[in-house]
Amino acid sequence: MGYLNNTVITVDAILTKKGREALARNDGSFRITQFALSDDEIDYTLYNPTHPSGSAYYGEAIEGMPLLEAFPDDQQIMKYKLATLPRGTAKLPVLNLGYDAITLKQGASLSITPQTLNYLDNVATFETSGYVATIADVRLMSSFEGLGINTQAAISQNSTSTIGTNVSKTVIGTQINLRATTVNTLFGTNSQLRTTLTVVGLDSGARITIPVTINKTTT
């Protein structure tokens, strides 16, 4: 990772680890159909409406910030995606998974049905395009699947298996089903294993990450 020279306009595009997995399958399934923009690097607190040189300089500090070059770990980038919301929107949409944290015993199952709050004048609603859910370490799951969205993109994503050294998995759906691993050897001498679950609304861009803990079942 490094910094780009922000004195010139630069487009720095690379594939994420997930994209590289899809490309490596070499079965024709790798097709870029959507893209997203984010402003992870921007610190809006630097906007200064009291700048002594006038309004042309209010955003000077922001415009002078260094820009990060692209890097492939999709767990560390694009956390604050830009979204188009209706004019007059007074509240940003947020996700409610029904859980602030998830704790499961080995072999236990859980279904999550995300809801989006403050979206399109609704107190709570389900997004038409569904939700993208990523488990950071799928080895802790015996199953992890998304249900309820039958678009070609969702079907392709939900049928994807991880390859190589990438241990995360991403699915799309209006319902996310997960079942904790039953493999004892993963725990070693630990009584618990931990990872994270990140869910993003495909229509609103709202995002939430919660911790997931798997407790070893002693026999």
C-alpha atoms as a PDB file:
ATOM      1  CA  MET A   1       0.000   0.000   0.000  1.00  0.00           C
ATOM      2  CA  GLY A   2       1.224   3.505  -0.766  1.00  0.00           C
ATOM      3  CA  TYR A   3       0.145   7.020  -1.671  1.00  0.00           C
ATOM      4  CA  LEU A   4      -0.793   8.419  -5.050  1.00  0.00           C
ATOM      5  CA  ASN A   5       0.339  11.765  -6.384  1.00  0.00           C
ATOM      6  CA  ASN A   6      -2.844  13.813  -6.090  1.00  0.00           C
ATOM      7  CA  THR A   7      -1.550  16.714  -8.195  1.00  0.00           C
ATOM      8  CA  VAL A   8      -2.765  14.875 -11.302  1.00  0.00           C
ATOM      9  CA  ILE A   9      -5.941  12.948 -12.077  1.00  0.00           C
ATOM     10  CA  THR A  10      -5.212   9.243 -11.646  1.00  0.00           C
ATOM     11  CA  VAL A  11      -7.352   6.152 -12.041  1.00  0.00           C
ATOM     12  CA  ASP A  12      -5.816   3.211 -10.183  1.00  0.00           C
ATOM     13  CA  ALA A  13      -7.941   0.097 -10.681  1.00  0.00           C
ATOM     14  CA  ILE A  14      -7.084  -3.422  -9.543  1.00  0.00           C
ATOM     15  CA  LEU A  15      -8.997  -6.601  -8.730  1.00  0.00           C
ATOM     16  CA  THR A  16      -9.801  -7.441  -5.136  1.00  0.00           C
ATOM     17  CA  LYS A  17      -8.967 -10.876  -3.764  1.00  0.00           C
ATOM     18  CA  LYS A  18     -12.554 -11.906  -4.502  1.00  0.00           C
ATOM     19  CA  GLY A  19     -12.196 -10.660  -8.073  1.00  0.00           C
ATOM     20  CA  ARG A  20      -8.954 -12.561  -8.495  1.00  0.00           C
ATOM     21  CA  GLU A  21     -10.679 -15.720  -7.290  1.00  0.00           C
ATOM     22  CA  ALA A  22     -13.398 -15.271  -9.921  1.00  0.00           C
ATOM     23  CA  LEU A  23     -10.833 -14.600 -12.653  1.00  0.00           C
ATOM     24  CA  ALA A  24      -8.768 -17.625 -11.634  1.00  0.00           C
ATOM     25  CA  ARG A  25     -11.748 -19.947 -12.194  1.00  0.00           C
ATOM     26  CA  ASN A  26     -11.391 -19.192 -15.937  1.00  0.00           C
ATOM     27  CA  ASP A  27     -14.907 -20.471 -16.647  1.00  0.00           C
ATOM     28  CA  GLY A  28     -16.347 -17.321 -18.207  1.00  0.00           C
ATOM     29  CA  SER A  29     -18.189 -16.317 -15.028  1.00  0.00           C
ATOM     30  CA  PHE A  30     -15.970 -13.318 -14.377  1.00  0.00           C
ATOM     31  CA  ARG A  31     -17.968 -10.328 -15.603  1.00  0.00           C
ATOM     32  CA  ILE A  32     -17.906  -6.862 -14.078  1.00  0.00           C
ATOM     33  CA  THR A  33     -21.542  -5.720 -14.006  1.00  0.00           C
ATOM     34  CA  GLN A  34     -21.492  -3.131 -11.192  1.00  0.00           C
ATOM     35  CA  PHE A  35     -19.088  -0.798  -9.446  1.00  0.00           C
ATOM     36  CA  ALA A  36     -19.071   1.259  -6.264  1.00  0.00           C
ATOM     37  CA  LEU A  37     -17.405   4.460  -5.101  1.00  0.00           C
ATOM     38  CA  SER A  38     -16.272   5.290  -1.591  1.00  0.00           C
ATOM     39  CA  ASP A  39     -14.678   8.092   0.382  1.00  0.00           C
ATOM     40  CA  ASP A  40     -12.778   6.108   3.016  1.00  0.00           C
ATOM     41  CA  GLU A  41      -9.812   8.489   2.884  1.00  0.00           C
ATOM     42  CA  ILE A  42     -11.713  11.734   3.418  1.00  0.00           C
ATOM     43  CA  ASP A  43     -11.818  13.444   6.814  1.00  0.00           C
ATOM     44  CA  TYR A  44     -14.749  15.844   6.524  1.00  0.00           C
ATOM     45  CA  THR A  45     -13.946  17.447   9.866  1.00  0.00           C
ATOM     46  CA  LEU A  46     -11.157  19.278   7.993  1.00  0.00           C
ATOM     47  CA  TYR A  47     -13.758  21.295   6.043  1.00  0.00           C
ATOM     48  CA  ASN A  48     -13.281  24.819   7.381  1.00  0.00           C
ATOM     49  CA  PRO A  49     -16.075  27.353   6.692  1.00  0.00           C
ATOM     50  CA  THR A  50     -14.153  29.953   8.752  1.00  0.00           C
ATOM     51  CA  HIS A  51     -11.062  29.910   6.525  1.00  0.00           C
ATOM     52  CA  PRO A  52      -9.708  33.481   6.413  1.00  0.00           C
ATOM     53  CA  SER A  53      -9.164  33.333   2.639  1.00  0.00           C
ATOM     54  CA  GLY A  54     -12.836  32.790   1.831  1.00  0.00           C
ATOM     55  CA  SER A  55     -15.163  30.082   0.535  1.00  0.00           C
ATOM     56  CA  ALA A  56     -12.795  28.919  -2.217  1.00  0.00           C
ATOM     57  CA  TYR A  57     -10.506  27.599   0.525  1.00  0.00           C
ATOM     58  CA  TYR A  58     -13.048  25.933   2.821  1.00  0.00           C
ATOM     59  CA  GLY A  59     -12.083  22.480   1.484  1.00  0.00           C
ATOM     60  CA  GLU A  60      -8.393  23.185   0.930  1.00  0.00           C
ATOM     61  CA  ALA A  61      -7.219  20.766   3.630  1.00  0.00           C
ATOM     62  CA  ILE A  62      -9.407  17.975   2.243  1.00  0.00           C
ATOM     63  CA  GLU A  63      -8.262  18.540  -1.328  1.00  0.00           C
ATOM     64  CA  GLY A  64      -4.643  18.378  -0.169  1.00  0.00           C
ATOM     65  CA  MET A  65      -4.992  15.029   1.603  1.00  0.00           C
ATOM     66  CA  PRO A  66      -2.912  12.161   0.169  1.00  0.00           C
ATOM     67  CA  LEU A  67      -4.866   9.436  -1.636  1.00  0.00           C
ATOM     68  CA  LEU A  68      -4.182   5.761  -1.022  1.00  0.00           C
ATOM     69  CA  GLU A  69      -3.344   3.575  -3.975  1.00  0.00           C
ATOM     70  CA  ALA A  70      -5.666   0.668  -4.646  1.00  0.00           C
ATOM     71  CA  PHE A  71      -5.023  -2.555  -2.747  1.00  0.00           C
ATOM     72  CA  PRO A  72      -6.782  -5.915  -3.009  1.00  0.00           C
ATOM     73  CA  ASP A  73      -8.044  -6.680   0.506  1.00  0.00           C
ATOM     74  CA  ASP A  74     -11.785  -6.013   0.246  1.00  0.00           C
ATOM     75  CA  GLN A  75     -12.101  -6.318   4.031  1.00  0.00           C
ATOM     76  CA  GLN A  76     -10.025  -3.171   4.506  1.00  0.00           C
ATOM     77  CA  ILE A  77     -11.298  -0.872   1.743  1.00  0.00           C
ATOM     78  CA  MET A  78     -14.615   0.531   0.513  1.00  0.00           C
ATOM     79  CA  LYS A  79     -16.052   0.693   4.023  1.00  0.00           C
ATOM     80  CA  TYR A  80     -17.801   4.001   3.405  1.00  0.00           C
ATOM     81  CA  LYS A  81     -19.454   3.662   0.021  1.00  0.00           C
ATOM     82  CA  LEU A  82     -21.133   6.589  -1.682  1.00  0.00           C
ATOM     83  CA  ALA A  83     -24.874   6.170  -2.177  1.00  0.00           C
ATOM     84  CA  THR A  84     -27.547   8.145  -4.003  1.00  0.00           C
ATOM     85  CA  LEU A  85     -30.476   8.967  -1.732  1.00  0.00           C
ATOM     86  CA  PRO A  86     -33.659  10.937  -2.504  1.00  0.00           C
ATOM     87  CA  ARG A  87     -33.399  14.710  -2.268  1.00  0.00           C
ATOM     88  CA  GLY A  88     -34.485  15.937   1.151  1.00  0.00           C
ATOM     89  CA  THR A  89     -33.319  12.822   3.001  1.00  0.00           C
ATOM     90  CA  ALA A  90     -32.838  13.907   6.614  1.00  0.00           C
ATOM     91  CA  LYS A  91     -31.501  10.655   8.082  1.00  0.00           C
ATOM     92  CA  LEU A  92     -28.929   8.221   6.761  1.00  0.00           C
ATOM     93  CA  PRO A  93     -30.175   4.635   6.440  1.00  0.00           C
ATOM     94  CA  VAL A  94     -28.761   2.142   8.931  1.00  0.00           C
ATOM     95  CA  LEU A  95     -28.965  -1.632   9.095  1.00  0.00           C
ATOM     96  CA  ASN A  96     -30.569  -3.667  11.829  1.00  0.00           C
ATOM     97  CA  LEU A  97     -29.624  -7.347  11.951  1.00  0.00           C
ATOM     98  CA  GLY A  98     -31.431  -8.026  15.195  1.00  0.00           C
ATOM     99  CA  TYR A  99     -28.061  -8.713  16.835  1.00  0.00           C
ATOM    100  CA  ASP A 100     -25.196  -6.553  18.061  1.00  0.00           C
ATOM    101  CA  ALA A 101     -23.041  -9.679  18.259  1.00  0.00           C
ATOM    102  CA  ILE A 102     -23.483 -13.356  17.443  1.00  0.00           C
ATOM    103  CA  THR A 103     -22.390 -16.239  19.667  1.00  0.00           C
ATOM    104  CA  LEU A 104     -22.960 -19.822  18.543  1.00  0.00           C
ATOM    105  CA  LYS A 105     -22.077 -23.244  19.877  1.00  0.00           C
ATOM    106  CA  GLN A 106     -20.487 -25.716  17.497  1.00  0.00           C
ATOM    107  CA  GLY A 107     -23.058 -26.954  14.983  1.00  0.00           C
ATOM    108  CA  ALA A 108     -25.660 -24.341  15.963  1.00  0.00           C
ATOM    109  CA  SER A 109     -27.594 -22.557  13.207  1.00  0.00           C
ATOM    110  CA  LEU A 110     -28.909 -19.023  12.892  1.00  0.00           C
ATOM    111  CA  SER A 111     -30.980 -17.140  10.302  1.00  0.00           C
ATOM    112  CA  ILE A 112     -30.567 -13.391   9.955  1.00  0.00           C
ATOM    113  CA  THR A 113     -33.107 -11.188   8.184  1.00  0.00           C
ATOM    114  CA  PRO A 114     -31.614  -7.693   7.823  1.00  0.00           C
ATOM    115  CA  GLN A 115     -33.803  -4.601   7.833  1.00  0.00           C
ATOM    116  CA  THR A 116     -32.922  -1.085   6.735  1.00  0.00           C
ATOM    117  CA  LEU A 117     -34.025   1.755   8.985  1.00  0.00           C
ATOM    118  CA  ASN A 118     -34.684   5.343   7.804  1.00  0.00           C
ATOM    119  CA  TYR A 119     -34.736   4.381   4.118  1.00  0.00           C
ATOM    120  CA  LEU A 120     -37.196   5.817   1.557  1.00  0.00           C
ATOM    121  CA  ASP A 121     -39.350   7.365   4.285  1.00  0.00           C
ATOM    122  CA  ASN A 122     -39.831   3.984   5.980  1.00  0.00           C
ATOM    123  CA  VAL A 123     -39.131   3.354   9.635  1.00  0.00           C
ATOM    124  CA  ALA A 124     -37.963  -0.131   8.634  1.00  0.00           C
ATOM    125  CA  THR A 125     -37.956  -1.887   5.282  1.00  0.00           C
ATOM    126  CA  PHE A 126     -36.331  -4.671   3.260  1.00  0.00           C
ATOM    127  CA  GLU A 127     -34.218  -3.623   0.307  1.00  0.00           C
ATOM    128  CA  THR A 128     -35.395  -4.820  -3.090  1.00  0.00           C
ATOM    129  CA  SER A 129     -31.923  -5.797  -4.286  1.00  0.00           C
ATOM    130  CA  GLY A 130     -31.140  -7.538  -1.009  1.00  0.00           C
ATOM    131  CA  TYR A 131     -28.014  -7.498   1.107  1.00  0.00           C
ATOM    132  CA  VAL A 132     -24.394  -8.524   0.630  1.00  0.00           C
ATOM    133  CA  ALA A 133     -23.068 -10.480   3.621  1.00  0.00           C
ATOM    134  CA  THR A 134     -19.394 -11.329   4.116  1.00  0.00           C
ATOM    135  CA  ILE A 135     -18.042 -13.654   6.772  1.00  0.00           C
ATOM    136  CA  ALA A 136     -14.369 -12.835   7.314  1.00  0.00           C
ATOM    137  CA  ASP A 137     -13.358 -16.433   8.045  1.00  0.00           C
ATOM    138  CA  VAL A 138     -15.656 -19.008   6.476  1.00  0.00           C
ATOM    139  CA  ARG A 139     -13.653 -21.842   8.049  1.00  0.00           C
ATOM    140  CA  LEU A 140     -15.667 -21.179  11.202  1.00  0.00           C
ATOM    141  CA  MET A 141     -18.872 -22.054   9.336  1.00  0.00           C
ATOM    142  CA  SER A 142     -20.057 -25.441   8.126  1.00  0.00           C
ATOM    143  CA  SER A 143     -22.524 -23.516   5.949  1.00  0.00           C
ATOM    144  CA  PHE A 144     -23.013 -19.864   5.012  1.00  0.00           C
ATOM    145  CA  GLU A 145     -25.676 -18.976   2.453  1.00  0.00           C
ATOM    146  CA  GLY A 146     -27.874 -16.187   1.199  1.00  0.00           C
ATOM    147  CA  LEU A 147     -31.506 -16.740   0.216  1.00  0.00           C
ATOM    148  CA  GLY A 148     -34.298 -14.669  -1.303  1.00  0.00           C
ATOM    149  CA  ILE A 149     -32.583 -12.959  -4.262  1.00  0.00           C
ATOM    150  CA  ASN A 150     -32.628 -14.804  -7.580  1.00  0.00           C
ATOM    151  CA  THR A 151     -30.765 -12.442  -9.887  1.00  0.00           C
ATOM    152  CA  GLN A 152     -27.958 -13.905 -11.992  1.00  0.00           C
ATOM    153  CA  ALA A 153     -25.388 -11.955  -9.971  1.00  0.00           C
ATOM    154  CA  ALA A 154     -26.759 -13.319  -6.692  1.00  0.00           C
ATOM    155  CA  ILE A 155     -26.936 -16.886  -7.971  1.00  0.00           C
ATOM    156  CA  SER A 156     -23.365 -16.672  -9.253  1.00  0.00           C
ATOM    157  CA  GLN A 157     -22.067 -15.135  -6.017  1.00  0.00           C
ATOM    158  CA  ASN A 158     -23.900 -17.581  -3.769  1.00  0.00           C
ATOM    159  CA  SER A 159     -22.517 -20.584  -5.643  1.00  0.00           C
ATOM    160  CA  THR A 160     -18.925 -19.346  -5.439  1.00  0.00           C
ATOM    161  CA  SER A 161     -16.476 -21.354  -3.357  1.00  0.00           C
ATOM    162  CA  THR A 162     -13.348 -19.838  -1.843  1.00  0.00           C
ATOM    163  CA  ILE A 163     -10.035 -20.919  -3.323  1.00  0.00           C
ATOM    164  CA  GLY A 164      -6.395 -20.283  -2.535  1.00  0.00           C
ATOM    165  CA  THR A 165      -5.563 -18.468   0.691  1.00  0.00           C
ATOM    166  CA  ASN A 166      -8.676 -16.285   0.822  1.00  0.00           C
ATOM    167  CA  VAL A 167     -10.833 -17.479   3.719  1.00  0.00           C
ATOM    168  CA  SER A 168     -13.659 -14.953   3.490  1.00  0.00           C
ATOM    169  CA  LYS A 169     -16.959 -15.677   1.745  1.00  0.00           C
ATOM    170  CA  THR A 170     -19.619 -13.325   0.401  1.00  0.00           C
ATOM    171  CA  VAL A 171     -23.269 -14.139  -0.320  1.00  0.00           C
ATOM    172  CA  ILE A 172     -26.314 -12.126  -1.419  1.00  0.00           C
ATOM    173  CA  GLY A 173     -29.865 -12.434  -0.112  1.00  0.00           C
ATOM    174  CA  THR A 174     -32.663 -11.056   2.013  1.00  0.00           C
ATOM    175  CA  GLN A 175     -31.998 -13.853   4.503  1.00  0.00           C
ATOM    176  CA  ILE A 176     -28.564 -14.990   5.631  1.00  0.00           C
ATOM    177  CA  ASN A 177     -28.234 -18.491   7.065  1.00  0.00           C
ATOM    178  CA  LEU A 178     -25.161 -19.608   8.947  1.00  0.00           C
ATOM    179  CA  ARG A 179     -24.209 -22.760  10.810  1.00  0.00           C
ATOM    180  CA  ALA A 180     -21.182 -22.999  13.062  1.00  0.00           C
ATOM    181  CA  THR A 181     -18.427 -25.486  12.312  1.00  0.00           C
ATOM    182  CA  THR A 182     -18.404 -28.908  13.922  1.00  0.00           C
ATOM    183  CA  VAL A 183     -14.655 -29.389  13.363  1.00  0.00           C
ATOM    184  CA  ASN A 184     -12.856 -29.521  16.723  1.00  0.00           C
ATOM    185  CA  THR A 185      -9.339 -29.349  15.282  1.00  0.00           C
ATOM    186  CA  LEU A 186      -9.868 -25.715  14.250  1.00  0.00           C
ATOM    187  CA  PHE A 187      -9.938 -24.685  17.911  1.00  0.00           C
ATOM    188  CA  GLY A 188      -6.600 -26.155  18.928  1.00  0.00           C
ATOM    189  CA  THR A 189      -6.229 -25.231  22.594  1.00  0.00           C
ATOM    190  CA  ASN A 190      -8.776 -22.404  22.326  1.00  0.00           C
ATOM    191  CA  SER A 191     -12.294 -22.611  23.672  1.00  0.00           C
ATOM    192  CA  GLN A 192     -13.547 -19.941  21.271  1.00  0.00           C
ATOM    193  CA  LEU A 193     -12.977 -18.794  17.703  1.00  0.00           C
ATOM    194  CA  ARG A 194     -13.818 -15.292  16.514  1.00  0.00           C
ATOM    195  CA  THR A 195     -14.518 -13.595  13.209  1.00  0.00           C
ATOM    196  CA  THR A 196     -16.743 -10.800  11.882  1.00  0.00           C
ATOM    197  CA  LEU A 197     -19.883 -10.568   9.769  1.00  0.00           C
ATOM    198  CA  THR A 198     -20.290  -7.529   7.507  1.00  0.00           C
ATOM    199  CA  VAL A 199     -23.630  -6.768   5.845  1.00  0.00           C
ATOM    200  CA  VAL A 200     -24.209  -4.047   3.232  1.00  0.00           C
ATOM    201  CA  GLY A 201     -27.553  -2.952   1.761  1.00  0.00           C
ATOM    202  CA  LEU A 202     -27.349  -3.127  -2.036  1.00  0.00           C
ATOM    203  CA  ASP A 203     -29.828  -0.264  -2.526  1.00  0.00           C
ATOM    204  CA  SER A 204     -29.039   2.032   0.395  1.00  0.00           C
ATOM    205  CA  GLY A 205     -25.313   1.422   0.831  1.00  0.00           C
ATOM    206  CA  ALA A 206     -25.834   1.122   4.590  1.00  0.00           C
ATOM    207  CA  ARG A 207     -23.220  -1.059   6.258  1.00  0.00           C
ATOM    208  CA  ILE A 208     -22.772  -2.839   9.575  1.00  0.00           C
ATOM    209  CA  THR A 209     -20.099  -5.147  10.992  1.00  0.00           C
ATOM    210  CA  ILE A 210     -20.685  -7.306  14.063  1.00  0.00           C
ATOM    211  CA  PRO A 211     -18.460  -9.831  15.878  1.00  0.00           C
ATOM    212  CA  VAL A 212     -19.137 -13.564  15.591  1.00  0.00           C
ATOM    213  CA  THR A 213     -17.951 -16.001  18.279  1.00  0.00           C
ATOM    214  CA  ILE A 214     -18.024 -19.791  18.029  1.00  0.00           C
ATOM    215  CA  ASN A 215     -17.812 -21.669  21.334  1.00  0.00           C
ATOM    216  CA  LYS A 216     -16.191 -25.099  21.378  1.00  0.00           C
ATOM    217  CA  THR A 217     -18.503 -27.850  22.582  1.00  0.00           C
ATOM    218  CA  THR A 218     -16.765 -30.203  24.981  1.00  0.00           C
ATOM    219  CA  THR A 219     -17.736 -33.859  24.988  1.00  0.00           C
END
